[in-house]
PDB file of N, CA and C in Angstrom:
ATOM      1  N   MET A   1     -19.056 101.719  63.958  1.00  0.00           N
ATOM      2  CA  MET A   1     -18.068 102.634  64.348  1.00  0.00           C
ATOM      3  C   MET A   1     -16.715 101.965  64.420  1.00  0.00           C
ATOM      4  N   ILE A   2     -15.689 102.568  63.966  1.00  0.00           N
ATOM      5  CA  ILE A   2     -14.293 102.010  64.056  1.00  0.00           C
ATOM      6  C   ILE A   2     -13.463 103.020  64.831  1.00  0.00           C
ATOM      7  N   THR A   3     -12.440 102.649  65.443  1.00  0.00           N
ATOM      8  CA  THR A   3     -11.495 103.519  66.098  1.00  0.00           C
ATOM      9  C   THR A   3     -10.234 103.587  65.319  1.00  0.00           C
ATOM     10  N   ALA A   4      -9.460 104.612  65.512  1.00  0.00           N
ATOM     11  CA  ALA A   4      -8.202 104.828  64.800  1.00  0.00           C
ATOM     12  C   ALA A   4      -7.225 103.699  65.070  1.00  0.00           C
ATOM     13  N   GLY A   5      -7.348 103.035  66.292  1.00  0.00           N
ATOM     14  CA  GLY A   5      -6.507 101.908  66.602  1.00  0.00           C
ATOM     15  C   GLY A   5      -6.862 100.668  65.752  1.00  0.00           C
ATOM     16  N   ASP A   6      -8.036 100.671  64.986  1.00  0.00           N
ATOM     17  CA  ASP A   6      -8.468  99.577  64.213  1.00  0.00           C
ATOM     18  C   ASP A   6      -8.064  99.781  62.780  1.00  0.00           C
ATOM     19  N   PHE A   7      -7.396 100.883  62.400  1.00  0.00           N
ATOM     20  CA  PHE A   7      -7.085 101.129  61.082  1.00  0.00           C
ATOM     21  C   PHE A   7      -6.182 100.042  60.448  1.00  0.00           C
ATOM     22  N   ARG A   8      -6.464  99.697  59.153  1.00  0.00           N
ATOM     23  CA  ARG A   8      -5.681  98.827  58.316  1.00  0.00           C
ATOM     24  C   ARG A   8      -5.622  99.394  56.934  1.00  0.00           C
ATOM     25  N   ASN A   9      -4.569  98.958  56.200  1.00  0.00           N
ATOM     26  CA  ASN A   9      -4.421  99.453  54.864  1.00  0.00           C
ATOM     27  C   ASN A   9      -5.667  99.150  53.984  1.00  0.00           C
ATOM     28  N   GLY A  10      -6.180 100.093  53.239  1.00  0.00           N
ATOM     29  CA  GLY A  10      -7.293  99.882  52.387  1.00  0.00           C
ATOM     30  C   GLY A  10      -8.695 100.150  53.081  1.00  0.00           C
ATOM     31  N   LEU A  11      -8.653 100.424  54.402  1.00  0.00           N
ATOM     32  CA  LEU A  11      -9.968 100.746  55.097  1.00  0.00           C
ATOM     33  C   LEU A  11     -10.515 102.035  54.630  1.00  0.00           C
ATOM     34  N   THR A  12     -11.799 102.105  54.428  1.00  0.00           N
ATOM     35  CA  THR A  12     -12.420 103.419  54.130  1.00  0.00           C
ATOM     36  C   THR A  12     -13.365 103.857  55.194  1.00  0.00           C
ATOM     37  N   PHE A  13     -13.334 105.136  55.530  1.00  0.00           N
ATOM     38  CA  PHE A  13     -14.124 105.685  56.587  1.00  0.00           C
ATOM     39  C   PHE A  13     -14.519 107.111  56.321  1.00  0.00           C
ATOM     40  N   ASP A  14     -15.507 107.600  57.020  1.00  0.00           N
ATOM     41  CA  ASP A  14     -15.993 108.986  56.870  1.00  0.00           C
ATOM     42  C   ASP A  14     -15.396 109.897  57.882  1.00  0.00           C
ATOM     43  N   MET A  15     -14.671 110.937  57.376  1.00  0.00           N
ATOM     44  CA  MET A  15     -14.065 111.920  58.311  1.00  0.00           C
ATOM     45  C   MET A  15     -14.442 113.327  57.909  1.00  0.00           C
ATOM     46  N   ASP A  16     -15.233 113.962  58.656  1.00  0.00           N
ATOM     47  CA  ASP A  16     -15.720 115.334  58.442  1.00  0.00           C
ATOM     48  C   ASP A  16     -16.465 115.441  57.118  1.00  0.00           C
ATOM     49  N   GLY A  17     -17.243 114.406  56.782  1.00  0.00           N
ATOM     50  CA  GLY A  17     -18.081 114.427  55.574  1.00  0.00           C
ATOM     51  C   GLY A  17     -17.271 113.989  54.307  1.00  0.00           C
ATOM     52  N   GLN A  18     -16.058 113.630  54.460  1.00  0.00           N
ATOM     53  CA  GLN A  18     -15.261 113.133  53.319  1.00  0.00           C
ATOM     54  C   GLN A  18     -14.954 111.661  53.511  1.00  0.00           C
ATOM     55  N   VAL A  19     -14.982 110.906  52.393  1.00  0.00           N
ATOM     56  CA  VAL A  19     -14.681 109.519  52.416  1.00  0.00           C
ATOM     57  C   VAL A  19     -13.129 109.385  52.267  1.00  0.00           C
ATOM     58  N   MET A  20     -12.467 108.803  53.191  1.00  0.00           N
ATOM     59  CA  MET A  20     -11.054 108.671  53.187  1.00  0.00           C
ATOM     60  C   MET A  20     -10.661 107.167  53.223  1.00  0.00           C
ATOM     61  N   GLN A  21      -9.539 106.830  52.590  1.00  0.00           N
ATOM     62  CA  GLN A  21      -8.959 105.532  52.512  1.00  0.00           C
ATOM     63  C   GLN A  21      -7.593 105.570  53.156  1.00  0.00           C
ATOM     64  N   VAL A  22      -7.355 104.546  54.038  1.00  0.00           N
ATOM     65  CA  VAL A  22      -6.043 104.508  54.704  1.00  0.00           C
ATOM     66  C   VAL A  22      -5.112 103.827  53.729  1.00  0.00           C
ATOM     67  N   ILE A  23      -3.979 104.590  53.357  1.00  0.00           N
ATOM     68  CA  ILE A  23      -2.926 104.091  52.500  1.00  0.00           C
ATOM     69  C   ILE A  23      -1.844 103.439  53.394  1.00  0.00           C
ATOM     70  N   GLU A  24      -1.351 104.132  54.424  1.00  0.00           N
ATOM     71  CA  GLU A  24      -0.485 103.574  55.355  1.00  0.00           C
ATOM     72  C   GLU A  24      -0.826 103.980  56.799  1.00  0.00           C
ATOM     73  N   PHE A  25      -0.430 103.181  57.730  1.00  0.00           N
ATOM     74  CA  PHE A  25      -0.624 103.552  59.112  1.00  0.00           C
ATOM     75  C   PHE A  25       0.462 102.979  59.980  1.00  0.00           C
ATOM     76  N   GLN A  26       0.702 103.704  61.096  1.00  0.00           N
ATOM     77  CA  GLN A  26       1.749 103.256  62.003  1.00  0.00           C
ATOM     78  C   GLN A  26       1.224 103.614  63.435  1.00  0.00           C
ATOM     79  N   HIS A  27       1.196 102.545  64.235  1.00  0.00           N
ATOM     80  CA  HIS A  27       0.831 102.744  65.631  1.00  0.00           C
ATOM     81  C   HIS A  27       2.132 103.057  66.383  1.00  0.00           C
ATOM     82  N   VAL A  28       2.165 104.296  67.020  1.00  0.00           N
ATOM     83  CA  VAL A  28       3.394 104.760  67.702  1.00  0.00           C
ATOM     84  C   VAL A  28       3.150 104.807  69.180  1.00  0.00           C
ATOM     85  N   LYS A  29       4.069 104.227  69.901  1.00  0.00           N
ATOM     86  CA  LYS A  29       4.014 104.336  71.424  1.00  0.00           C
ATOM     87  C   LYS A  29       5.376 104.989  71.768  1.00  0.00           C
ATOM     88  N   PRO A  30       5.377 106.287  71.972  1.00  0.00           N
ATOM     89  CA  PRO A  30       6.625 106.924  72.395  1.00  0.00           C
ATOM     90  C   PRO A  30       6.908 106.577  73.851  1.00  0.00           C
ATOM     91  N   GLY A  31       8.174 106.712  74.263  1.00  0.00           N
ATOM     92  CA  GLY A  31       8.515 106.360  75.688  1.00  0.00           C
ATOM     93  C   GLY A  31       7.863 107.358  76.616  1.00  0.00           C
ATOM     94  N   LYS A  32       7.625 108.529  76.194  1.00  0.00           N
ATOM     95  CA  LYS A  32       7.064 109.571  77.049  1.00  0.00           C
ATOM     96  C   LYS A  32       5.874 110.089  76.307  1.00  0.00           C
ATOM     97  N   GLY A  33       4.711 110.177  76.949  1.00  0.00           N
ATOM     98  CA  GLY A  33       3.481 110.644  76.364  1.00  0.00           C
ATOM     99  C   GLY A  33       2.577 109.553  75.916  1.00  0.00           C
ATOM    100  N   ALA A  34       1.450 109.961  75.360  1.00  0.00           N
ATOM    101  CA  ALA A  34       0.429 108.973  74.994  1.00  0.00           C
ATOM    102  C   ALA A  34       0.676 108.426  73.602  1.00  0.00           C
ATOM    103  N   ALA A  35       0.176 107.242  73.291  1.00  0.00           N
ATOM    104  CA  ALA A  35       0.258 106.594  72.052  1.00  0.00           C
ATOM    105  C   ALA A  35      -0.551 107.344  70.976  1.00  0.00           C
ATOM    106  N   PHE A  36      -0.174 107.243  69.715  1.00  0.00           N
ATOM    107  CA  PHE A  36      -1.011 107.817  68.681  1.00  0.00           C
ATOM    108  C   PHE A  36      -0.835 106.974  67.406  1.00  0.00           C
ATOM    109  N   VAL A  37      -1.690 107.251  66.422  1.00  0.00           N
ATOM    110  CA  VAL A  37      -1.689 106.551  65.163  1.00  0.00           C
ATOM    111  C   VAL A  37      -1.334 107.574  64.077  1.00  0.00           C
ATOM    112  N   ARG A  38      -0.223 107.300  63.350  1.00  0.00           N
ATOM    113  CA  ARG A  38       0.192 108.171  62.296  1.00  0.00           C
ATOM    114  C   ARG A  38      -0.230 107.520  60.995  1.00  0.00           C
ATOM    115  N   THR A  39      -0.978 108.290  60.143  1.00  0.00           N
ATOM    116  CA  THR A  39      -1.600 107.748  58.974  1.00  0.00           C
ATOM    117  C   THR A  39      -1.317 108.557  57.742  1.00  0.00           C
ATOM    118  N   LYS A  40      -1.343 107.897  56.588  1.00  0.00           N
ATOM    119  CA  LYS A  40      -1.374 108.559  55.267  1.00  0.00           C
ATOM    120  C   LYS A  40      -2.743 108.247  54.672  1.00  0.00           C
ATOM    121  N   LEU A  41      -3.511 109.240  54.453  1.00  0.00           N
ATOM    122  CA  LEU A  41      -4.898 109.052  53.923  1.00  0.00           C
ATOM    123  C   LEU A  41      -5.125 109.605  52.566  1.00  0.00           C
ATOM    124  N   LYS A  42      -5.987 108.897  51.839  1.00  0.00           N
ATOM    125  CA  LYS A  42      -6.332 109.399  50.437  1.00  0.00           C
ATOM    126  C   LYS A  42      -7.831 109.719  50.426  1.00  0.00           C
ATOM    127  N   ASN A  43      -8.148 110.879  49.975  1.00  0.00           N
ATOM    128  CA  ASN A  43      -9.543 111.276  49.760  1.00  0.00           C
ATOM    129  C   ASN A  43     -10.047 110.561  48.499  1.00  0.00           C
ATOM    130  N   VAL A  44     -11.088 109.740  48.681  1.00  0.00           N
ATOM    131  CA  VAL A  44     -11.600 108.848  47.594  1.00  0.00           C
ATOM    132  C   VAL A  44     -12.143 109.690  46.486  1.00  0.00           C
ATOM    133  N   ILE A  45     -12.808 110.828  46.815  1.00  0.00           N
ATOM    134  CA  ILE A  45     -13.452 111.603  45.802  1.00  0.00           C
ATOM    135  C   ILE A  45     -12.437 112.457  45.003  1.00  0.00           C
ATOM    136  N   SER A  46     -11.618 113.195  45.761  1.00  0.00           N
ATOM    137  CA  SER A  46     -10.694 114.159  45.093  1.00  0.00           C
ATOM    138  C   SER A  46      -9.323 113.577  44.688  1.00  0.00           C
ATOM    139  N   GLY A  47      -8.935 112.482  45.421  1.00  0.00           N
ATOM    140  CA  GLY A  47      -7.623 111.899  45.177  1.00  0.00           C
ATOM    141  C   GLY A  47      -6.516 112.534  45.982  1.00  0.00           C
ATOM    142  N   ALA A  48      -6.777 113.515  46.761  1.00  0.00           N
ATOM    143  CA  ALA A  48      -5.766 114.159  47.567  1.00  0.00           C
ATOM    144  C   ALA A  48      -5.216 113.285  48.698  1.00  0.00           C
ATOM    145  N   VAL A  49      -3.898 113.296  48.884  1.00  0.00           N
ATOM    146  CA  VAL A  49      -3.259 112.498  49.936  1.00  0.00           C
ATOM    147  C   VAL A  49      -2.806 113.388  51.077  1.00  0.00           C
ATOM    148  N   THR A  50      -3.134 113.043  52.345  1.00  0.00           N
ATOM    149  CA  THR A  50      -2.721 113.815  53.492  1.00  0.00           C
ATOM    150  C   THR A  50      -2.122 112.929  54.512  1.00  0.00           C
ATOM    151  N   GLU A  51      -1.261 113.482  55.357  1.00  0.00           N
ATOM    152  CA  GLU A  51      -0.729 112.772  56.556  1.00  0.00           C
ATOM    153  C   GLU A  51      -1.335 113.349  57.748  1.00  0.00           C
ATOM    154  N   THR A  52      -1.848 112.507  58.673  1.00  0.00           N
ATOM    155  CA  THR A  52      -2.544 112.946  59.794  1.00  0.00           C
ATOM    156  C   THR A  52      -2.266 112.011  60.981  1.00  0.00           C
ATOM    157  N   THR A  53      -2.303 112.543  62.173  1.00  0.00           N
ATOM    158  CA  THR A  53      -2.164 111.680  63.370  1.00  0.00           C
ATOM    159  C   THR A  53      -3.437 111.733  64.174  1.00  0.00           C
ATOM    160  N   PHE A  54      -3.781 110.562  64.718  1.00  0.00           N
ATOM    161  CA  PHE A  54      -5.038 110.421  65.440  1.00  0.00           C
ATOM    162  C   PHE A  54      -4.703 109.855  66.852  1.00  0.00           C
ATOM    163  N   ASN A  55      -5.547 110.152  67.800  1.00  0.00           N
ATOM    164  CA  ASN A  55      -5.630 109.496  69.068  1.00  0.00           C
ATOM    165  C   ASN A  55      -6.195 108.041  68.758  1.00  0.00           C
ATOM    166  N   PRO A  56      -5.582 106.969  69.340  1.00  0.00           N
ATOM    167  CA  PRO A  56      -6.154 105.626  69.014  1.00  0.00           C
ATOM    168  C   PRO A  56      -7.624 105.387  69.386  1.00  0.00           C
ATOM    169  N   THR A  57      -8.174 106.262  70.225  1.00  0.00           N
ATOM    170  CA  THR A  57      -9.543 106.065  70.602  1.00  0.00           C
ATOM    171  C   THR A  57     -10.517 106.934  69.780  1.00  0.00           C
ATOM    172  N   ALA A  58     -10.034 107.740  68.804  1.00  0.00           N
ATOM    173  CA  ALA A  58     -10.875 108.542  67.953  1.00  0.00           C
ATOM    174  C   ALA A  58     -11.837 107.627  67.205  1.00  0.00           C
ATOM    175  N   LYS A  59     -13.089 107.922  67.063  1.00  0.00           N
ATOM    176  CA  LYS A  59     -14.105 107.033  66.474  1.00  0.00           C
ATOM    177  C   LYS A  59     -14.575 107.663  65.140  1.00  0.00           C
ATOM    178  N   PHE A  60     -14.769 106.800  64.113  1.00  0.00           N
ATOM    179  CA  PHE A  60     -15.241 107.232  62.801  1.00  0.00           C
ATOM    180  C   PHE A  60     -16.222 106.208  62.301  1.00  0.00           C
ATOM    181  N   GLN A  61     -17.083 106.665  61.420  1.00  0.00           N
ATOM    182  CA  GLN A  61     -18.062 105.838  60.763  1.00  0.00           C
ATOM    183  C   GLN A  61     -17.479 105.206  59.575  1.00  0.00           C
ATOM    184  N   GLU A  62     -17.523 103.831  59.474  1.00  0.00           N
ATOM    185  CA  GLU A  62     -16.951 103.128  58.359  1.00  0.00           C
ATOM    186  C   GLU A  62     -17.757 103.398  57.086  1.00  0.00           C
ATOM    187  N   ALA A  63     -17.034 103.533  55.990  1.00  0.00           N
ATOM    188  CA  ALA A  63     -17.731 103.826  54.695  1.00  0.00           C
ATOM    189  C   ALA A  63     -17.457 102.619  53.763  1.00  0.00           C
ATOM    190  N   TYR A  64     -18.586 102.132  53.125  1.00  0.00           N
ATOM    191  CA  TYR A  64     -18.504 101.035  52.250  1.00  0.00           C
ATOM    192  C   TYR A  64     -18.439 101.584  50.804  1.00  0.00           C
ATOM    193  N   VAL A  65     -17.391 101.247  50.135  1.00  0.00           N
ATOM    194  CA  VAL A  65     -17.133 101.782  48.730  1.00  0.00           C
ATOM    195  C   VAL A  65     -17.174 100.510  47.825  1.00  0.00           C
ATOM    196  N   GLU A  66     -18.138 100.705  46.838  1.00  0.00           N
ATOM    197  CA  GLU A  66     -18.182  99.556  45.823  1.00  0.00           C
ATOM    198  C   GLU A  66     -17.504 100.039  44.533  1.00  0.00           C
ATOM    199  N   ARG A  67     -16.521  99.254  44.110  1.00  0.00           N
ATOM    200  CA  ARG A  67     -15.714  99.601  42.872  1.00  0.00           C
ATOM    201  C   ARG A  67     -16.219  98.592  41.794  1.00  0.00           C
ATOM    202  N   LYS A  68     -16.456  99.185  40.584  1.00  0.00           N
ATOM    203  CA  LYS A  68     -17.032  98.430  39.511  1.00  0.00           C
ATOM    204  C   LYS A  68     -16.557  98.922  38.225  1.00  0.00           C
ATOM    205  N   ASP A  69     -16.077  98.009  37.343  1.00  0.00           N
ATOM    206  CA  ASP A  69     -15.609  98.374  36.041  1.00  0.00           C
ATOM    207  C   ASP A  69     -16.851  98.615  35.158  1.00  0.00           C
ATOM    208  N   MET A  70     -16.936  99.779  34.462  1.00  0.00           N
ATOM    209  CA  MET A  70     -18.013 100.093  33.576  1.00  0.00           C
ATOM    210  C   MET A  70     -17.481 100.607  32.318  1.00  0.00           C
ATOM    211  N   GLU A  71     -18.235 100.439  31.258  1.00  0.00           N
ATOM    212  CA  GLU A  71     -17.834 100.901  29.924  1.00  0.00           C
ATOM    213  C   GLU A  71     -18.732 102.128  29.593  1.00  0.00           C
ATOM    214  N   TYR A  72     -18.069 103.159  29.128  1.00  0.00           N
ATOM    215  CA  TYR A  72     -18.810 104.376  28.734  1.00  0.00           C
ATOM    216  C   TYR A  72     -19.482 104.081  27.337  1.00  0.00           C
ATOM    217  N   LEU A  73     -20.758 104.376  27.170  1.00  0.00           N
ATOM    218  CA  LEU A  73     -21.469 104.082  25.966  1.00  0.00           C
ATOM    219  C   LEU A  73     -21.683 105.353  25.167  1.00  0.00           C
ATOM    220  N   TYR A  74     -22.476 106.338  25.670  1.00  0.00           N
ATOM    221  CA  TYR A  74     -22.933 107.537  24.923  1.00  0.00           C
ATOM    222  C   TYR A  74     -23.441 108.547  25.880  1.00  0.00           C
ATOM    223  N   GLU A  75     -23.662 109.772  25.323  1.00  0.00           N
ATOM    224  CA  GLU A  75     -24.292 110.892  26.025  1.00  0.00           C
ATOM    225  C   GLU A  75     -25.519 111.252  25.348  1.00  0.00           C
ATOM    226  N   ASP A  76     -26.636 111.518  26.069  1.00  0.00           N
ATOM    227  CA  ASP A  76     -27.908 111.892  25.471  1.00  0.00           C
ATOM    228  C   ASP A  76     -28.634 112.843  26.440  1.00  0.00           C
ATOM    229  N   GLY A  77     -28.767 114.052  25.944  1.00  0.00           N
ATOM    230  CA  GLY A  77     -29.492 115.090  26.756  1.00  0.00           C
ATOM    231  C   GLY A  77     -28.987 115.340  28.117  1.00  0.00           C
ATOM    232  N   GLY A  78     -27.688 115.366  28.295  1.00  0.00           N
ATOM    233  CA  GLY A  78     -27.116 115.658  29.584  1.00  0.00           C
ATOM    234  C   GLY A  78     -26.954 114.428  30.452  1.00  0.00           C
ATOM    235  N   LEU A  79     -27.365 113.266  30.057  1.00  0.00           N
ATOM    236  CA  LEU A  79     -27.164 111.999  30.760  1.00  0.00           C
ATOM    237  C   LEU A  79     -26.092 111.209  30.077  1.00  0.00           C
ATOM    238  N   TYR A  80     -25.147 110.650  30.886  1.00  0.00           N
ATOM    239  CA  TYR A  80     -24.068 109.863  30.318  1.00  0.00           C
ATOM    240  C   TYR A  80     -24.386 108.427  30.705  1.00  0.00           C
ATOM    241  N   TYR A  81     -24.324 107.558  29.737  1.00  0.00           N
ATOM    242  CA  TYR A  81     -24.709 106.104  29.920  1.00  0.00           C
ATOM    243  C   TYR A  81     -23.516 105.246  30.024  1.00  0.00           C
ATOM    244  N   PHE A  82     -23.446 104.325  31.066  1.00  0.00           N
ATOM    245  CA  PHE A  82     -22.369 103.432  31.268  1.00  0.00           C
ATOM    246  C   PHE A  82     -22.997 102.073  31.367  1.00  0.00           C
ATOM    247  N   MET A  83     -22.119 101.050  30.997  1.00  0.00           N
ATOM    248  CA  MET A  83     -22.709  99.676  30.962  1.00  0.00           C
ATOM    249  C   MET A  83     -21.813  98.789  31.740  1.00  0.00           C
ATOM    250  N   ASP A  84     -22.452  97.868  32.535  1.00  0.00           N
ATOM    251  CA  ASP A  84     -21.689  96.871  33.261  1.00  0.00           C
ATOM    252  C   ASP A  84     -21.393  95.685  32.272  1.00  0.00           C
ATOM    253  N   PRO A  85     -20.080  95.443  31.962  1.00  0.00           N
ATOM    254  CA  PRO A  85     -19.794  94.451  30.989  1.00  0.00           C
ATOM    255  C   PRO A  85     -20.147  93.004  31.402  1.00  0.00           C
ATOM    256  N   GLU A  86     -20.478  92.773  32.643  1.00  0.00           N
ATOM    257  CA  GLU A  86     -20.835  91.384  33.107  1.00  0.00           C
ATOM    258  C   GLU A  86     -22.358  91.214  32.894  1.00  0.00           C
ATOM    259  N   THR A  87     -23.176  92.202  33.327  1.00  0.00           N
ATOM    260  CA  THR A  87     -24.612  91.970  33.267  1.00  0.00           C
ATOM    261  C   THR A  87     -25.262  92.761  32.148  1.00  0.00           C
ATOM    262  N   TYR A  88     -24.535  93.586  31.465  1.00  0.00           N
ATOM    263  CA  TYR A  88     -25.034  94.396  30.311  1.00  0.00           C
ATOM    264  C   TYR A  88     -26.106  95.404  30.823  1.00  0.00           C
ATOM    265  N   GLU A  89     -26.120  95.672  32.144  1.00  0.00           N
ATOM    266  CA  GLU A  89     -27.012  96.695  32.698  1.00  0.00           C
ATOM    267  C   GLU A  89     -26.523  98.071  32.420  1.00  0.00           C
ATOM    268  N   GLN A  90     -27.342  99.029  31.892  1.00  0.00           N
ATOM    269  CA  GLN A  90     -27.002 100.337  31.555  1.00  0.00           C
ATOM    270  C   GLN A  90     -27.418 101.263  32.703  1.00  0.00           C
ATOM    271  N   LEU A  91     -26.477 102.169  33.051  1.00  0.00           N
ATOM    272  CA  LEU A  91     -26.676 103.076  34.147  1.00  0.00           C
ATOM    273  C   LEU A  91     -26.472 104.521  33.682  1.00  0.00           C
ATOM    274  N   PRO A  92     -27.563 105.360  33.767  1.00  0.00           N
ATOM    275  CA  PRO A  92     -27.364 106.764  33.356  1.00  0.00           C
ATOM    276  C   PRO A  92     -26.878 107.652  34.558  1.00  0.00           C
ATOM    277  N   ILE A  93     -26.008 108.521  34.301  1.00  0.00           N
ATOM    278  CA  ILE A  93     -25.472 109.456  35.352  1.00  0.00           C
ATOM    279  C   ILE A  93     -25.562 110.883  34.765  1.00  0.00           C
ATOM    280  N   ALA A  94     -26.095 111.764  35.624  1.00  0.00           N
ATOM    281  CA  ALA A  94     -26.348 113.171  35.185  1.00  0.00           C
ATOM    282  C   ALA A  94     -24.942 113.779  34.980  1.00  0.00           C
ATOM    283  N   GLY A  95     -24.914 114.676  33.924  1.00  0.00           N
ATOM    284  CA  GLY A  95     -23.695 115.382  33.676  1.00  0.00           C
ATOM    285  C   GLY A  95     -23.275 116.346  34.832  1.00  0.00           C
ATOM    286  N   SER A  96     -24.196 116.778  35.634  1.00  0.00           N
ATOM    287  CA  SER A  96     -23.830 117.667  36.748  1.00  0.00           C
ATOM    288  C   SER A  96     -23.007 116.906  37.765  1.00  0.00           C
ATOM    289  N   VAL A  97     -23.097 115.607  37.835  1.00  0.00           N
ATOM    290  CA  VAL A  97     -22.341 114.773  38.834  1.00  0.00           C
ATOM    291  C   VAL A  97     -20.935 114.550  38.328  1.00  0.00           C
ATOM    292  N   MET A  98     -20.670 114.485  37.016  1.00  0.00           N
ATOM    293  CA  MET A  98     -19.378 114.269  36.522  1.00  0.00           C
ATOM    294  C   MET A  98     -18.443 115.408  36.769  1.00  0.00           C
ATOM    295  N   ASN A  99     -17.172 115.117  37.109  1.00  0.00           N
ATOM    296  CA  ASN A  99     -16.243 116.188  37.264  1.00  0.00           C
ATOM    297  C   ASN A  99     -15.393 116.444  36.058  1.00  0.00           C
ATOM    298  N   ASP A 100     -14.395 117.312  36.113  1.00  0.00           N
ATOM    299  CA  ASP A 100     -13.618 117.687  34.961  1.00  0.00           C
ATOM    300  C   ASP A 100     -12.697 116.540  34.398  1.00  0.00           C
ATOM    301  N   SER A 101     -12.460 115.523  35.215  1.00  0.00           N
ATOM    302  CA  SER A 101     -11.626 114.438  34.736  1.00  0.00           C
ATOM    303  C   SER A 101     -12.352 113.594  33.790  1.00  0.00           C
ATOM    304  N   PHE A 102     -13.659 113.754  33.585  1.00  0.00           N
ATOM    305  CA  PHE A 102     -14.452 112.943  32.635  1.00  0.00           C
ATOM    306  C   PHE A 102     -14.014 113.210  31.197  1.00  0.00           C
ATOM    307  N   LYS A 103     -13.492 114.378  30.949  1.00  0.00           N
ATOM    308  CA  LYS A 103     -13.077 114.681  29.542  1.00  0.00           C
ATOM    309  C   LYS A 103     -11.957 113.812  29.052  1.00  0.00           C
ATOM    310  N   PHE A 104     -11.284 113.030  29.921  1.00  0.00           N
ATOM    311  CA  PHE A 104     -10.294 112.127  29.526  1.00  0.00           C
ATOM    312  C   PHE A 104     -10.786 110.729  29.262  1.00  0.00           C
ATOM    313  N   VAL A 105     -12.098 110.514  29.469  1.00  0.00           N
ATOM    314  CA  VAL A 105     -12.699 109.143  29.170  1.00  0.00           C
ATOM    315  C   VAL A 105     -12.822 108.979  27.677  1.00  0.00           C
ATOM    316  N   LYS A 106     -12.439 107.789  27.190  1.00  0.00           N
ATOM    317  CA  LYS A 106     -12.576 107.510  25.780  1.00  0.00           C
ATOM    318  C   LYS A 106     -13.852 106.708  25.511  1.00  0.00           C
TER     319      LYS A 106
END
């Protein structure tokens, strides 16, 4: 578990079932009232960017995101095959998992 006070740029965490990445954060201590953390967050899945404020003690589950360059090979029977250029391992992904942005893949 991480708290909003531990936020750093690039950190990924689970917020309400969505994987979010911290783009910017600012710890604010106003002269009057409680401190808060002002953040700009990017949804890793949809790409949407939102600005949100959190109490520094708010707790979230940290999300581990693995990024890997893959090459698109071919489609066969609803499965799309990708290859890791370092290990030549081929990975099939179901067409139901792919979103509309896949039509831009060459």
